[in-house]
N, C-alpha and C. Protein backbone atom coordinates (compact mmCIF):
# COMPACT_ATOMS: atom_id res chain seq x y z
N MET A 1 0.85 -1.18 0.00
CA MET A 1 0.00 0.00 0.00
C MET A 1 0.90 1.24 0.00
N SER A 2 0.62 2.18 -0.87
CA SER A 2 1.40 3.41 -0.92
C SER A 2 0.61 4.56 -0.31
N SER A 3 1.31 5.58 0.11
CA SER A 3 0.69 6.73 0.74
C SER A 3 1.09 8.01 0.03
N VAL A 4 0.32 9.05 0.27
CA VAL A 4 0.63 10.38 -0.25
C VAL A 4 0.74 11.32 0.95
N TYR A 5 1.73 12.18 0.90
CA TYR A 5 1.98 13.10 1.99
C TYR A 5 1.91 14.54 1.51
N LYS A 6 1.63 15.42 2.43
CA LYS A 6 1.62 16.85 2.16
C LYS A 6 2.52 17.52 3.19
N LYS A 7 3.08 18.66 2.82
CA LYS A 7 3.97 19.39 3.70
C LYS A 7 3.47 20.82 3.84
N ILE A 8 3.40 21.31 5.08
CA ILE A 8 3.01 22.69 5.33
C ILE A 8 4.13 23.38 6.10
N GLU A 9 4.13 24.70 6.07
CA GLU A 9 5.09 25.47 6.86
C GLU A 9 4.36 26.23 7.96
N VAL A 10 4.92 26.16 9.14
CA VAL A 10 4.42 26.94 10.27
C VAL A 10 5.62 27.60 10.96
N VAL A 11 5.36 28.67 11.67
CA VAL A 11 6.43 29.36 12.40
C VAL A 11 6.11 29.31 13.89
N GLY A 12 7.04 28.76 14.64
CA GLY A 12 6.90 28.71 16.09
C GLY A 12 7.82 29.72 16.74
N THR A 13 7.41 30.24 17.87
CA THR A 13 8.23 31.20 18.60
C THR A 13 8.36 30.79 20.06
N SER A 14 9.43 31.27 20.67
CA SER A 14 9.64 31.04 22.10
C SER A 14 10.61 32.10 22.60
N ASP A 15 10.42 32.52 23.82
CA ASP A 15 11.37 33.46 24.41
C ASP A 15 12.43 32.74 25.24
N THR A 16 12.42 31.38 25.18
CA THR A 16 13.39 30.63 25.98
C THR A 16 14.40 29.85 25.13
N THR A 17 13.93 28.94 24.24
CA THR A 17 14.86 28.10 23.48
C THR A 17 14.36 27.82 22.07
N LEU A 18 15.27 27.40 21.20
CA LEU A 18 14.88 26.95 19.86
C LEU A 18 14.00 25.71 19.95
N GLY A 19 14.35 24.81 20.85
CA GLY A 19 13.56 23.59 21.03
C GLY A 19 12.12 23.90 21.39
N ASP A 20 11.93 24.86 22.26
CA ASP A 20 10.57 25.24 22.63
C ASP A 20 9.83 25.86 21.45
N ALA A 21 10.53 26.62 20.61
CA ALA A 21 9.90 27.21 19.43
C ALA A 21 9.43 26.10 18.49
N ILE A 22 10.26 25.07 18.30
CA ILE A 22 9.89 23.93 17.45
C ILE A 22 8.69 23.20 18.05
N ARG A 23 8.74 22.93 19.34
CA ARG A 23 7.64 22.23 20.01
C ARG A 23 6.34 23.02 19.90
N ASN A 24 6.43 24.33 20.06
CA ASN A 24 5.23 25.17 19.93
C ASN A 24 4.64 25.09 18.54
N ALA A 25 5.50 25.11 17.51
CA ALA A 25 5.01 25.03 16.13
C ALA A 25 4.32 23.70 15.86
N VAL A 26 4.98 22.60 16.25
CA VAL A 26 4.42 21.27 16.00
C VAL A 26 3.15 21.04 16.82
N SER A 27 3.17 21.45 18.06
CA SER A 27 2.01 21.28 18.92
C SER A 27 0.79 22.03 18.39
N ARG A 28 1.00 23.26 18.00
CA ARG A 28 -0.12 24.07 17.49
C ARG A 28 -0.64 23.52 16.17
N ALA A 29 0.26 23.10 15.29
CA ALA A 29 -0.17 22.50 14.02
C ALA A 29 -0.99 21.24 14.29
N GLY A 30 -0.60 20.48 15.30
CA GLY A 30 -1.30 19.24 15.64
C GLY A 30 -2.73 19.44 16.11
N GLU A 31 -3.08 20.66 16.46
CA GLU A 31 -4.46 20.93 16.87
C GLU A 31 -5.43 20.86 15.69
N THR A 32 -4.92 21.05 14.47
CA THR A 32 -5.81 21.04 13.30
C THR A 32 -5.37 20.08 12.20
N VAL A 33 -4.14 19.59 12.27
CA VAL A 33 -3.62 18.70 11.22
C VAL A 33 -3.56 17.28 11.75
N LYS A 34 -4.12 16.33 10.99
CA LYS A 34 -4.09 14.92 11.38
C LYS A 34 -2.92 14.21 10.72
N ASN A 35 -2.54 13.10 11.28
CA ASN A 35 -1.55 12.19 10.69
C ASN A 35 -0.17 12.80 10.49
N MET A 36 0.23 13.71 11.38
CA MET A 36 1.57 14.29 11.26
C MET A 36 2.59 13.19 11.50
N GLY A 37 3.65 13.20 10.68
CA GLY A 37 4.64 12.14 10.81
C GLY A 37 6.07 12.62 10.97
N TRP A 38 6.39 13.82 10.53
CA TRP A 38 7.75 14.31 10.63
C TRP A 38 7.78 15.82 10.50
N PHE A 39 8.94 16.40 10.84
CA PHE A 39 9.14 17.83 10.66
C PHE A 39 10.58 18.08 10.26
N GLU A 40 10.82 19.21 9.64
CA GLU A 40 12.17 19.65 9.35
C GLU A 40 12.25 21.15 9.62
N VAL A 41 13.34 21.57 10.18
CA VAL A 41 13.55 23.00 10.45
C VAL A 41 14.06 23.64 9.18
N ALA A 42 13.32 24.59 8.64
CA ALA A 42 13.69 25.24 7.39
C ALA A 42 14.45 26.54 7.61
N GLU A 43 14.18 27.21 8.69
CA GLU A 43 14.79 28.52 8.92
C GLU A 43 14.80 28.83 10.42
N ILE A 44 15.88 29.43 10.86
CA ILE A 44 15.98 29.88 12.25
C ILE A 44 16.30 31.36 12.23
N ARG A 45 15.58 32.10 13.02
CA ARG A 45 15.86 33.53 13.16
C ARG A 45 15.40 33.95 14.56
N GLY A 46 15.55 35.20 14.87
CA GLY A 46 15.14 35.66 16.18
C GLY A 46 15.01 37.17 16.23
N ARG A 47 14.63 37.62 17.38
CA ARG A 47 14.45 39.05 17.62
C ARG A 47 15.43 39.47 18.71
N ILE A 48 16.00 40.64 18.52
CA ILE A 48 16.96 41.18 19.49
C ILE A 48 16.34 42.40 20.14
N ARG A 49 16.48 42.45 21.45
CA ARG A 49 15.99 43.61 22.20
C ARG A 49 17.08 44.02 23.20
N ASP A 50 17.46 45.27 23.16
CA ASP A 50 18.48 45.80 24.08
C ASP A 50 19.78 44.99 24.03
N GLY A 51 20.16 44.57 22.83
CA GLY A 51 21.42 43.86 22.65
C GLY A 51 21.43 42.41 23.07
N ALA A 52 20.26 41.85 23.38
CA ALA A 52 20.18 40.44 23.79
C ALA A 52 19.08 39.72 23.01
N VAL A 53 19.20 38.41 22.93
CA VAL A 53 18.17 37.61 22.25
C VAL A 53 16.88 37.71 23.05
N ALA A 54 15.82 38.13 22.37
CA ALA A 54 14.52 38.30 23.03
C ALA A 54 13.54 37.20 22.63
N GLU A 55 13.72 36.62 21.43
CA GLU A 55 12.76 35.62 20.96
C GLU A 55 13.42 34.77 19.89
N PHE A 56 13.15 33.47 19.93
CA PHE A 56 13.55 32.54 18.87
C PHE A 56 12.35 32.33 17.96
N GLN A 57 12.60 32.35 16.64
CA GLN A 57 11.56 32.13 15.65
C GLN A 57 12.05 31.03 14.71
N VAL A 58 11.27 29.98 14.54
CA VAL A 58 11.68 28.84 13.74
C VAL A 58 10.60 28.48 12.73
N THR A 59 10.98 28.47 11.45
CA THR A 59 10.06 27.99 10.41
C THR A 59 10.23 26.48 10.33
N VAL A 60 9.13 25.77 10.51
CA VAL A 60 9.13 24.32 10.55
C VAL A 60 8.23 23.79 9.44
N LYS A 61 8.75 22.87 8.65
CA LYS A 61 7.92 22.18 7.66
C LYS A 61 7.42 20.89 8.31
N VAL A 62 6.12 20.70 8.30
CA VAL A 62 5.50 19.54 8.94
C VAL A 62 4.90 18.66 7.84
N GLY A 63 5.27 17.40 7.85
CA GLY A 63 4.74 16.46 6.86
C GLY A 63 3.64 15.61 7.48
N PHE A 64 2.59 15.37 6.70
CA PHE A 64 1.50 14.53 7.20
C PHE A 64 0.92 13.72 6.06
N ARG A 65 0.40 12.55 6.42
CA ARG A 65 -0.18 11.63 5.45
C ARG A 65 -1.61 12.07 5.12
N ILE A 66 -1.92 12.12 3.84
CA ILE A 66 -3.28 12.46 3.39
C ILE A 66 -4.13 11.21 3.44
N GLU A 67 -5.30 11.32 4.05
CA GLU A 67 -6.20 10.16 4.17
C GLU A 67 -6.87 9.84 2.87
């Protein structure tokens, strides 16, 4: 049996870590997307405030199987 997959992009943010930004993106996507199977980090960036890292922003591609 073969399957077909689709990939979407979401952006997660966190003021603590890159890992938390990724988890936030995947978790939020999982509220509306079924059959998620994998993710890949496409882009990492952040926001600077007063000379320090204020926020991590991560673009995550999430793959899921189409029913």
